[in-house]
Amino acid sequence: MRDGRQWIAGAAVAVLAVCVVAGLGGGLASARSEMREGQAAGGNEAGQRQIEAFNKKYIAAHLRMDNAAVLSMWAEDGISLLPATDPMIGKEAIGKFMDEVVGRMPGYHMQKMDVDFQGIEVSGDWASEWAEEHQVVQPPPGRRVIDSYGKLLLVLHRESDGNWRITREMWNQGMKP
């Protein structure tokens, strides 16, 4: 029975951790709210502006198909969840995946990348947002244009250097409006 109680205690800690990160921790959320009452009223607005600036850099790096710039926006222990693939865990694995994809696309150029970021939530050094995106990639002559739509969810963390980085990404295919 002791092992069962340890499992339950471990599961409770895991659920609590998820609730704290997601901002769903009932009493914890209201305790955090009370703690923030002493903070400046514009604190959340500053976080929103920082995430909006992050988003502009994110789009610009993707438009240039600049894997190094995109990868610099990832946390070392970031995790990317894409359809029909195993989770990519760590910046090194994510970078390898991006290099393999771009390596199979010589002569392709990102023509358009529209990302409609929504639902930006900032809580201290953590933020989340979701988006609908549309990409048009111009191929070399004789190949078909890639015109794709997707849905994106990002969890960001402000690291000790003050920069926001992606800790979790989930993407799946979207539908053409």
N, C-alpha and C. Protein backbone atom coordinates (compact mmCIF):
# COMPACT_ATOMS: atom_id res chain seq x y z
N MET A 1 0.83 -1.20 0.00
CA MET A 1 0.00 0.00 0.00
C MET A 1 0.87 1.26 0.00
N ARG A 2 2.05 1.15 0.59
CA ARG A 2 2.93 2.31 0.65
C ARG A 2 3.27 2.79 -0.76
N ASP A 3 3.56 1.86 -1.69
CA ASP A 3 3.87 2.24 -3.06
C ASP A 3 2.70 2.97 -3.71
N GLY A 4 1.49 2.50 -3.45
CA GLY A 4 0.30 3.15 -3.98
C GLY A 4 0.16 4.56 -3.49
N ARG A 5 0.43 4.78 -2.21
CA ARG A 5 0.35 6.14 -1.66
C ARG A 5 1.44 7.03 -2.25
N GLN A 6 2.62 6.47 -2.46
CA GLN A 6 3.69 7.25 -3.07
C GLN A 6 3.31 7.66 -4.49
N TRP A 7 2.69 6.71 -5.24
CA TRP A 7 2.26 7.02 -6.60
C TRP A 7 1.23 8.13 -6.58
N ILE A 8 0.25 8.02 -5.67
CA ILE A 8 -0.80 9.04 -5.57
C ILE A 8 -0.19 10.38 -5.19
N ALA A 9 0.75 10.37 -4.24
CA ALA A 9 1.40 11.63 -3.84
C ALA A 9 2.17 12.21 -5.02
N GLY A 10 2.89 11.35 -5.76
CA GLY A 10 3.63 11.82 -6.93
C GLY A 10 2.70 12.37 -7.99
N ALA A 11 1.58 11.68 -8.22
CA ALA A 11 0.61 12.15 -9.20
C ALA A 11 0.02 13.49 -8.76
N ALA A 12 -0.24 13.64 -7.47
CA ALA A 12 -0.80 14.90 -6.97
C ALA A 12 0.19 16.04 -7.19
N VAL A 13 1.48 15.78 -6.95
CA VAL A 13 2.50 16.80 -7.18
C VAL A 13 2.53 17.16 -8.67
N ALA A 14 2.47 16.15 -9.55
CA ALA A 14 2.50 16.42 -10.99
C ALA A 14 1.30 17.25 -11.41
N VAL A 15 0.10 16.90 -10.92
CA VAL A 15 -1.10 17.65 -11.26
C VAL A 15 -0.99 19.08 -10.74
N LEU A 16 -0.47 19.24 -9.54
CA LEU A 16 -0.29 20.57 -8.97
C LEU A 16 0.67 21.39 -9.82
N ALA A 17 1.76 20.76 -10.26
CA ALA A 17 2.73 21.48 -11.10
C ALA A 17 2.08 21.94 -12.39
N VAL A 18 1.28 21.07 -13.03
CA VAL A 18 0.59 21.46 -14.25
C VAL A 18 -0.35 22.61 -13.98
N CYS A 19 -1.07 22.55 -12.86
CA CYS A 19 -2.02 23.62 -12.53
C CYS A 19 -1.31 24.94 -12.31
N VAL A 20 -0.17 24.91 -11.65
CA VAL A 20 0.57 26.15 -11.39
C VAL A 20 1.05 26.75 -12.70
N VAL A 21 1.65 25.91 -13.56
CA VAL A 21 2.16 26.42 -14.84
C VAL A 21 1.02 26.93 -15.71
N ALA A 22 -0.07 26.21 -15.74
CA ALA A 22 -1.19 26.60 -16.59
C ALA A 22 -2.03 27.72 -15.97
N GLY A 23 -1.76 28.05 -14.71
CA GLY A 23 -2.53 29.12 -14.08
C GLY A 23 -3.92 28.66 -13.69
N LEU A 24 -4.11 27.34 -13.47
CA LEU A 24 -5.43 26.83 -13.16
C LEU A 24 -5.54 26.36 -11.72
N GLY A 25 -4.61 26.74 -10.87
CA GLY A 25 -4.49 26.15 -9.56
C GLY A 25 -5.47 26.65 -8.52
N GLY A 26 -6.70 26.94 -8.86
CA GLY A 26 -7.72 27.30 -7.89
C GLY A 26 -7.23 28.28 -6.85
N GLY A 27 -7.03 27.78 -5.65
CA GLY A 27 -6.57 28.62 -4.55
C GLY A 27 -5.21 29.22 -4.83
N LEU A 28 -4.36 28.46 -5.51
CA LEU A 28 -3.05 29.01 -5.85
C LEU A 28 -3.17 30.20 -6.77
N ALA A 29 -4.11 30.11 -7.71
CA ALA A 29 -4.30 31.22 -8.64
C ALA A 29 -4.74 32.47 -7.90
N SER A 30 -5.66 32.31 -6.93
CA SER A 30 -6.11 33.50 -6.22
C SER A 30 -5.01 34.00 -5.29
N ALA A 31 -4.19 33.10 -4.75
CA ALA A 31 -3.06 33.55 -3.93
C ALA A 31 -2.08 34.35 -4.77
N ARG A 32 -1.83 33.86 -5.99
CA ARG A 32 -0.94 34.60 -6.88
C ARG A 32 -1.54 35.95 -7.22
N SER A 33 -2.86 35.98 -7.44
CA SER A 33 -3.54 37.22 -7.76
C SER A 33 -3.38 38.22 -6.63
N GLU A 34 -3.53 37.75 -5.39
CA GLU A 34 -3.36 38.64 -4.25
C GLU A 34 -1.93 39.15 -4.17
N MET A 35 -0.95 38.27 -4.48
CA MET A 35 0.44 38.70 -4.44
C MET A 35 0.71 39.75 -5.50
N ARG A 36 0.05 39.64 -6.66
CA ARG A 36 0.29 40.59 -7.75
C ARG A 36 -0.38 41.93 -7.52
N GLU A 37 -1.32 42.00 -6.58
CA GLU A 37 -2.02 43.27 -6.37
C GLU A 37 -1.05 44.39 -6.05
N GLY A 38 0.08 44.04 -5.44
CA GLY A 38 1.07 45.05 -5.10
C GLY A 38 1.93 45.46 -6.27
N GLN A 39 1.86 44.73 -7.39
CA GLN A 39 2.68 45.06 -8.54
C GLN A 39 2.04 46.21 -9.31
N ALA A 40 2.86 46.85 -10.12
CA ALA A 40 2.37 47.96 -10.93
C ALA A 40 1.28 47.47 -11.88
N ALA A 41 0.28 48.30 -12.10
CA ALA A 41 -0.86 47.92 -12.94
C ALA A 41 -0.42 47.58 -14.35
N GLY A 42 0.64 48.20 -14.86
CA GLY A 42 1.07 47.97 -16.24
C GLY A 42 1.97 46.76 -16.39
N GLY A 43 2.25 46.00 -15.35
CA GLY A 43 3.16 44.87 -15.43
C GLY A 43 2.76 43.85 -16.47
N ASN A 44 1.49 43.51 -16.55
CA ASN A 44 1.03 42.53 -17.52
C ASN A 44 1.09 43.10 -18.93
N GLU A 45 0.83 44.39 -19.06
CA GLU A 45 0.93 45.03 -20.37
C GLU A 45 2.35 44.97 -20.90
N ALA A 46 3.34 45.13 -20.03
CA ALA A 46 4.74 45.03 -20.44
C ALA A 46 5.03 43.62 -20.94
N GLY A 47 4.53 42.62 -20.24
CA GLY A 47 4.70 41.23 -20.67
C GLY A 47 4.06 40.99 -22.03
N GLN A 48 2.86 41.52 -22.23
CA GLN A 48 2.17 41.41 -23.52
C GLN A 48 3.02 42.01 -24.64
N ARG A 49 3.57 43.19 -24.40
CA ARG A 49 4.40 43.85 -25.42
C ARG A 49 5.65 43.02 -25.71
N GLN A 50 6.24 42.43 -24.67
CA GLN A 50 7.42 41.59 -24.88
C GLN A 50 7.09 40.37 -25.74
N ILE A 51 5.94 39.76 -25.49
CA ILE A 51 5.54 38.59 -26.28
C ILE A 51 5.23 39.02 -27.71
N GLU A 52 4.60 40.15 -27.89
CA GLU A 52 4.33 40.65 -29.24
C GLU A 52 5.64 40.90 -30.00
N ALA A 53 6.66 41.44 -29.32
CA ALA A 53 7.97 41.65 -29.95
C ALA A 53 8.61 40.29 -30.28
N PHE A 54 8.49 39.33 -29.38
CA PHE A 54 8.97 37.97 -29.63
C PHE A 54 8.32 37.41 -30.89
N ASN A 55 7.01 37.59 -31.01
CA ASN A 55 6.27 37.07 -32.16
C ASN A 55 6.75 37.66 -33.47
N LYS A 56 7.08 38.95 -33.48
CA LYS A 56 7.59 39.58 -34.70
C LYS A 56 8.93 38.96 -35.10
N LYS A 57 9.80 38.72 -34.12
CA LYS A 57 11.09 38.06 -34.40
C LYS A 57 10.88 36.64 -34.90
N TYR A 58 9.92 35.95 -34.31
CA TYR A 58 9.60 34.57 -34.68
C TYR A 58 9.18 34.50 -36.15
N ILE A 59 8.28 35.40 -36.54
CA ILE A 59 7.80 35.42 -37.93
C ILE A 59 8.94 35.79 -38.88
N ALA A 60 9.72 36.82 -38.53
CA ALA A 60 10.82 37.26 -39.39
C ALA A 60 11.84 36.15 -39.62
N ALA A 61 12.19 35.42 -38.57
CA ALA A 61 13.15 34.32 -38.70
C ALA A 61 12.61 33.22 -39.60
N HIS A 62 11.33 32.91 -39.47
CA HIS A 62 10.73 31.88 -40.32
C HIS A 62 10.65 32.36 -41.78
N LEU A 63 10.33 33.62 -41.99
CA LEU A 63 10.28 34.14 -43.36
C LEU A 63 11.63 34.02 -44.05
N ARG A 64 12.71 34.21 -43.30
CA ARG A 64 14.06 34.09 -43.86
C ARG A 64 14.50 32.63 -43.95
N MET A 65 13.70 31.71 -43.40
CA MET A 65 14.08 30.30 -43.28
C MET A 65 15.44 30.19 -42.61
N ASP A 66 15.62 30.99 -41.57
CA ASP A 66 16.88 31.11 -40.82
C ASP A 66 16.81 30.18 -39.60
N ASN A 67 17.24 28.95 -39.78
CA ASN A 67 17.15 27.97 -38.70
C ASN A 67 17.91 28.40 -37.45
N ALA A 68 19.06 29.03 -37.61
CA ALA A 68 19.83 29.47 -36.44
C ALA A 68 19.04 30.50 -35.63
N ALA A 69 18.39 31.44 -36.32
CA ALA A 69 17.60 32.45 -35.62
C ALA A 69 16.39 31.82 -34.95
N VAL A 70 15.72 30.89 -35.63
CA VAL A 70 14.57 30.22 -35.04
C VAL A 70 15.02 29.43 -33.81
N LEU A 71 16.11 28.70 -33.94
CA LEU A 71 16.60 27.87 -32.85
C LEU A 71 17.02 28.70 -31.64
N SER A 72 17.49 29.93 -31.87
CA SER A 72 17.89 30.80 -30.76
C SER A 72 16.69 31.19 -29.90
N MET A 73 15.50 30.98 -30.42
CA MET A 73 14.28 31.33 -29.69
C MET A 73 13.76 30.17 -28.85
N TRP A 74 14.49 29.06 -28.86
CA TRP A 74 14.10 27.86 -28.12
C TRP A 74 14.91 27.73 -26.83
N ALA A 75 14.27 27.22 -25.79
CA ALA A 75 14.95 26.86 -24.55
C ALA A 75 15.75 25.59 -24.80
N GLU A 76 16.83 25.41 -24.07
CA GLU A 76 17.67 24.21 -24.22
C GLU A 76 16.86 22.94 -24.06
N ASP A 77 15.89 22.94 -23.15
CA ASP A 77 15.10 21.73 -22.88
C ASP A 77 13.70 21.80 -23.52
N GLY A 78 13.57 22.61 -24.57
CA GLY A 78 12.28 22.75 -25.24
C GLY A 78 11.78 21.44 -25.84
N ILE A 79 10.48 21.35 -26.01
CA ILE A 79 9.85 20.16 -26.58
C ILE A 79 8.90 20.59 -27.68
N SER A 80 9.04 19.95 -28.85
CA SER A 80 8.17 20.22 -29.98
C SER A 80 7.31 19.00 -30.25
N LEU A 81 6.01 19.22 -30.37
CA LEU A 81 5.05 18.15 -30.62
C LEU A 81 4.40 18.39 -31.98
N LEU A 82 4.75 17.54 -32.93
CA LEU A 82 4.21 17.64 -34.28
C LEU A 82 3.44 16.37 -34.60
N PRO A 83 2.49 16.44 -35.52
CA PRO A 83 1.70 15.25 -35.85
C PRO A 83 2.58 14.12 -36.40
N ALA A 84 2.21 12.91 -36.08
CA ALA A 84 2.82 11.70 -36.64
C ALA A 84 4.33 11.62 -36.43
N THR A 85 4.82 12.26 -35.37
CA THR A 85 6.24 12.16 -35.04
C THR A 85 6.37 11.96 -33.53
N ASP A 86 7.50 11.41 -33.13
CA ASP A 86 7.79 11.34 -31.70
C ASP A 86 8.06 12.76 -31.21
N PRO A 87 7.84 13.02 -29.92
CA PRO A 87 8.19 14.33 -29.39
C PRO A 87 9.68 14.61 -29.63
N MET A 88 9.98 15.83 -30.03
CA MET A 88 11.38 16.24 -30.17
C MET A 88 11.74 16.93 -28.87
N ILE A 89 12.67 16.36 -28.16
CA ILE A 89 13.03 16.85 -26.83
C ILE A 89 14.42 17.43 -26.86
N GLY A 90 14.51 18.71 -26.57
CA GLY A 90 15.79 19.41 -26.51
C GLY A 90 16.08 20.19 -27.77
N LYS A 91 16.79 21.28 -27.56
CA LYS A 91 17.13 22.20 -28.64
C LYS A 91 17.94 21.49 -29.74
N GLU A 92 18.81 20.58 -29.35
CA GLU A 92 19.64 19.88 -30.33
C GLU A 92 18.77 19.04 -31.28
N ALA A 93 17.81 18.30 -30.73
CA ALA A 93 16.93 17.47 -31.56
C ALA A 93 16.05 18.34 -32.46
N ILE A 94 15.57 19.45 -31.94
CA ILE A 94 14.72 20.35 -32.72
C ILE A 94 15.53 20.96 -33.87
N GLY A 95 16.75 21.38 -33.58
CA GLY A 95 17.62 21.94 -34.61
C GLY A 95 17.95 20.94 -35.70
N LYS A 96 18.20 19.69 -35.30
CA LYS A 96 18.49 18.63 -36.27
C LYS A 96 17.30 18.43 -37.19
N PHE A 97 16.10 18.39 -36.62
CA PHE A 97 14.88 18.23 -37.42
C PHE A 97 14.74 19.38 -38.42
N MET A 98 14.91 20.61 -37.95
CA MET A 98 14.75 21.77 -38.84
C MET A 98 15.78 21.72 -39.97
N ASP A 99 17.03 21.38 -39.65
CA ASP A 99 18.07 21.30 -40.68
C ASP A 99 17.76 20.22 -41.71
N GLU A 100 17.21 19.08 -41.24
CA GLU A 100 16.84 18.01 -42.18
C GLU A 100 15.73 18.47 -43.12
N VAL A 101 14.73 19.14 -42.58
CA VAL A 101 13.62 19.61 -43.41
C VAL A 101 14.11 20.61 -44.45
N VAL A 102 14.85 21.62 -44.02
CA VAL A 102 15.34 22.64 -44.95
C VAL A 102 16.35 22.03 -45.93
N GLY A 103 17.13 21.05 -45.47
CA GLY A 103 18.09 20.38 -46.35
C GLY A 103 17.42 19.64 -47.50
N ARG A 104 16.18 19.21 -47.30
CA ARG A 104 15.44 18.53 -48.37
C ARG A 104 14.73 19.53 -49.29
N MET A 105 14.95 20.82 -49.07
CA MET A 105 14.23 21.83 -49.84
C MET A 105 15.17 22.84 -50.51
N PRO A 106 16.22 22.38 -51.18
CA PRO A 106 17.11 23.37 -51.81
C PRO A 106 16.35 24.18 -52.86
N GLY A 107 16.58 25.47 -52.85
CA GLY A 107 15.94 26.34 -53.83
C GLY A 107 14.57 26.83 -53.44
N TYR A 108 14.03 26.37 -52.31
CA TYR A 108 12.72 26.83 -51.84
C TYR A 108 12.90 28.12 -51.04
N HIS A 109 11.89 29.00 -51.11
CA HIS A 109 11.93 30.26 -50.38
C HIS A 109 10.56 30.54 -49.77
N MET A 110 10.55 30.96 -48.53
CA MET A 110 9.30 31.32 -47.87
C MET A 110 8.81 32.61 -48.50
N GLN A 111 7.66 32.54 -49.13
CA GLN A 111 7.09 33.71 -49.79
C GLN A 111 6.19 34.48 -48.84
N LYS A 112 5.49 33.74 -47.97
CA LYS A 112 4.51 34.38 -47.10
C LYS A 112 4.37 33.55 -45.83
N MET A 113 4.27 34.23 -44.71
CA MET A 113 3.96 33.57 -43.45
C MET A 113 3.12 34.52 -42.62
N ASP A 114 1.85 34.23 -42.58
CA ASP A 114 0.91 35.01 -41.78
C ASP A 114 0.61 34.20 -40.52
N VAL A 115 0.82 34.82 -39.37
CA VAL A 115 0.52 34.15 -38.10
C VAL A 115 -0.37 35.08 -37.30
N ASP A 116 -1.54 34.60 -36.97
CA ASP A 116 -2.49 35.37 -36.17
C ASP A 116 -2.41 34.87 -34.72
N PHE A 117 -1.49 35.48 -33.96
CA PHE A 117 -1.32 35.09 -32.56
C PHE A 117 -2.51 35.60 -31.76
N GLN A 118 -3.01 34.76 -30.89
CA GLN A 118 -4.17 35.10 -30.07
C GLN A 118 -3.98 34.54 -28.66
N GLY A 119 -4.82 35.01 -27.77
CA GLY A 119 -4.88 34.44 -26.42
C GLY A 119 -3.59 34.54 -25.65
N ILE A 120 -2.84 35.61 -25.83
CA ILE A 120 -1.58 35.76 -25.10
C ILE A 120 -1.89 35.90 -23.62
N GLU A 121 -1.31 35.00 -22.83
CA GLU A 121 -1.46 35.02 -21.37
C GLU A 121 -0.07 35.10 -20.78
N VAL A 122 0.17 36.09 -19.94
CA VAL A 122 1.46 36.24 -19.28
C VAL A 122 1.25 36.16 -17.79
N SER A 123 2.04 35.32 -17.15
CA SER A 123 2.00 35.18 -15.69
C SER A 123 3.43 35.10 -15.19
N GLY A 124 3.94 36.24 -14.77
CA GLY A 124 5.33 36.28 -14.31
C GLY A 124 6.28 35.98 -15.45
N ASP A 125 7.10 34.94 -15.27
CA ASP A 125 8.09 34.57 -16.28
C ASP A 125 7.57 33.50 -17.25
N TRP A 126 6.26 33.23 -17.22
CA TRP A 126 5.66 32.24 -18.10
C TRP A 126 4.60 32.90 -18.97
N ALA A 127 4.48 32.40 -20.19
CA ALA A 127 3.45 32.92 -21.10
C ALA A 127 2.99 31.79 -22.02
N SER A 128 1.78 31.92 -22.51
CA SER A 128 1.27 30.98 -23.51
C SER A 128 0.47 31.78 -24.53
N GLU A 129 0.36 31.20 -25.71
CA GLU A 129 -0.40 31.81 -26.79
C GLU A 129 -0.72 30.74 -27.82
N TRP A 130 -1.73 31.01 -28.62
CA TRP A 130 -2.05 30.12 -29.72
C TRP A 130 -2.20 30.95 -30.97
N ALA A 131 -2.14 30.27 -32.11
CA ALA A 131 -2.21 31.00 -33.37
C ALA A 131 -2.72 30.12 -34.49
N GLU A 132 -3.25 30.78 -35.49
CA GLU A 132 -3.54 30.15 -36.77
C GLU A 132 -2.52 30.72 -37.74
N GLU A 133 -1.95 29.85 -38.56
CA GLU A 133 -0.91 30.34 -39.46
C GLU A 133 -1.14 29.85 -40.88
N HIS A 134 -0.58 30.62 -41.81
CA HIS A 134 -0.67 30.31 -43.23
C HIS A 134 0.71 30.57 -43.82
N GLN A 135 1.25 29.54 -44.48
CA GLN A 135 2.56 29.66 -45.12
C GLN A 135 2.44 29.37 -46.60
N VAL A 136 3.18 30.14 -47.38
CA VAL A 136 3.31 29.87 -48.81
C VAL A 136 4.80 29.81 -49.08
N VAL A 137 5.23 28.65 -49.58
CA VAL A 137 6.65 28.43 -49.86
C VAL A 137 6.80 28.26 -51.37
N GLN A 138 7.66 29.11 -51.95
CA GLN A 138 7.90 29.11 -53.39
C GLN A 138 8.99 28.08 -53.71
N PRO A 139 8.68 27.12 -54.58
CA PRO A 139 9.66 26.11 -54.93
C PRO A 139 10.52 26.54 -56.11
N PRO A 140 11.52 25.73 -56.42
CA PRO A 140 12.25 25.98 -57.67
C PRO A 140 11.33 25.71 -58.86
N PRO A 141 11.69 26.17 -60.04
CA PRO A 141 10.84 25.97 -61.23
C PRO A 141 10.49 24.48 -61.43
N GLY A 142 9.23 24.28 -61.82
CA GLY A 142 8.77 22.92 -62.11
C GLY A 142 8.21 22.17 -60.91
N ARG A 143 8.23 22.77 -59.75
CA ARG A 143 7.68 22.11 -58.55
C ARG A 143 6.47 22.89 -58.06
N ARG A 144 5.64 22.18 -57.29
CA ARG A 144 4.40 22.78 -56.78
C ARG A 144 4.64 23.71 -55.60
N VAL A 145 3.94 24.83 -55.59
CA VAL A 145 3.97 25.76 -54.46
C VAL A 145 3.42 25.04 -53.23
N ILE A 146 4.03 25.25 -52.08
CA ILE A 146 3.52 24.71 -50.83
C ILE A 146 2.65 25.79 -50.19
N ASP A 147 1.39 25.50 -50.04
CA ASP A 147 0.42 26.44 -49.47
C ASP A 147 -0.25 25.71 -48.31
N SER A 148 0.18 26.02 -47.08
CA SER A 148 -0.31 25.23 -45.94
C SER A 148 -0.87 26.12 -44.84
N TYR A 149 -1.74 25.53 -44.09
CA TYR A 149 -2.38 26.17 -42.95
C TYR A 149 -2.12 25.31 -41.72
N GLY A 150 -1.97 25.97 -40.57
CA GLY A 150 -1.75 25.22 -39.35
C GLY A 150 -2.27 25.95 -38.13
N LYS A 151 -2.28 25.21 -37.03
CA LYS A 151 -2.64 25.76 -35.72
C LYS A 151 -1.44 25.52 -34.81
N LEU A 152 -1.15 26.49 -33.98
CA LEU A 152 0.06 26.49 -33.19
C LEU A 152 -0.25 26.85 -31.75
N LEU A 153 0.42 26.19 -30.82
CA LEU A 153 0.33 26.53 -29.41
C LEU A 153 1.75 26.64 -28.88
N LEU A 154 2.07 27.75 -28.24
CA LEU A 154 3.40 27.96 -27.66
C LEU A 154 3.29 28.22 -26.17
N VAL A 155 4.24 27.65 -25.42
CA VAL A 155 4.46 27.99 -24.02
C VAL A 155 5.85 28.59 -23.98
N LEU A 156 5.94 29.79 -23.44
CA LEU A 156 7.20 30.54 -23.39
C LEU A 156 7.65 30.75 -21.96
N HIS A 157 8.95 30.87 -21.77
CA HIS A 157 9.51 31.16 -20.45
C HIS A 157 10.55 32.25 -20.61
N ARG A 158 10.51 33.24 -19.71
CA ARG A 158 11.53 34.29 -19.70
C ARG A 158 12.71 33.73 -18.92
N GLU A 159 13.83 33.57 -19.59
CA GLU A 159 15.00 32.96 -18.97
C GLU A 159 15.82 34.01 -18.22
N SER A 160 16.85 33.55 -17.52
CA SER A 160 17.63 34.43 -16.65
C SER A 160 18.29 35.58 -17.42
N ASP A 161 18.50 35.43 -18.74
CA ASP A 161 19.08 36.52 -19.53
C ASP A 161 18.03 37.54 -19.96
N GLY A 162 16.76 37.32 -19.55
CA GLY A 162 15.67 38.25 -19.86
C GLY A 162 14.95 37.95 -21.16
N ASN A 163 15.44 36.99 -21.94
CA ASN A 163 14.81 36.65 -23.22
C ASN A 163 13.74 35.59 -23.04
N TRP A 164 12.65 35.77 -23.79
CA TRP A 164 11.59 34.76 -23.82
C TRP A 164 12.03 33.67 -24.78
N ARG A 165 11.82 32.42 -24.37
CA ARG A 165 12.16 31.29 -25.24
C ARG A 165 11.03 30.27 -25.21
N ILE A 166 10.92 29.52 -26.29
CA ILE A 166 9.89 28.49 -26.41
C ILE A 166 10.29 27.29 -25.58
N THR A 167 9.39 26.87 -24.68
CA THR A 167 9.64 25.65 -23.92
C THR A 167 8.79 24.50 -24.45
N ARG A 168 7.65 24.82 -25.02
CA ARG A 168 6.76 23.82 -25.60
C ARG A 168 6.10 24.40 -26.84
N GLU A 169 6.03 23.54 -27.87
CA GLU A 169 5.35 23.92 -29.10
C GLU A 169 4.50 22.74 -29.53
N MET A 170 3.28 23.04 -29.92
CA MET A 170 2.44 22.02 -30.53
C MET A 170 1.88 22.62 -31.81
N TRP A 171 1.98 21.87 -32.89
CA TRP A 171 1.49 22.33 -34.18
C TRP A 171 0.69 21.21 -34.81
N ASN A 172 -0.40 21.55 -35.46
CA ASN A 172 -1.10 20.58 -36.29
C ASN A 172 -1.68 21.28 -37.50
N GLN A 173 -2.07 20.47 -38.46
CA GLN A 173 -2.59 20.98 -39.73
C GLN A 173 -3.87 21.76 -39.50
N GLY A 174 -3.98 22.90 -40.13
CA GLY A 174 -5.19 23.69 -40.08
C GLY A 174 -5.97 23.54 -41.37
N MET A 175 -7.08 24.22 -41.42
CA MET A 175 -7.91 24.18 -42.63
C MET A 175 -7.91 25.53 -43.33
N LYS A 176 -7.95 25.50 -44.63
CA LYS A 176 -8.03 26.72 -45.41
C LYS A 176 -9.37 27.39 -45.09
N PRO A 177 -9.35 28.68 -44.77
CA PRO A 177 -10.62 29.36 -44.43
C PRO A 177 -11.56 29.42 -45.62
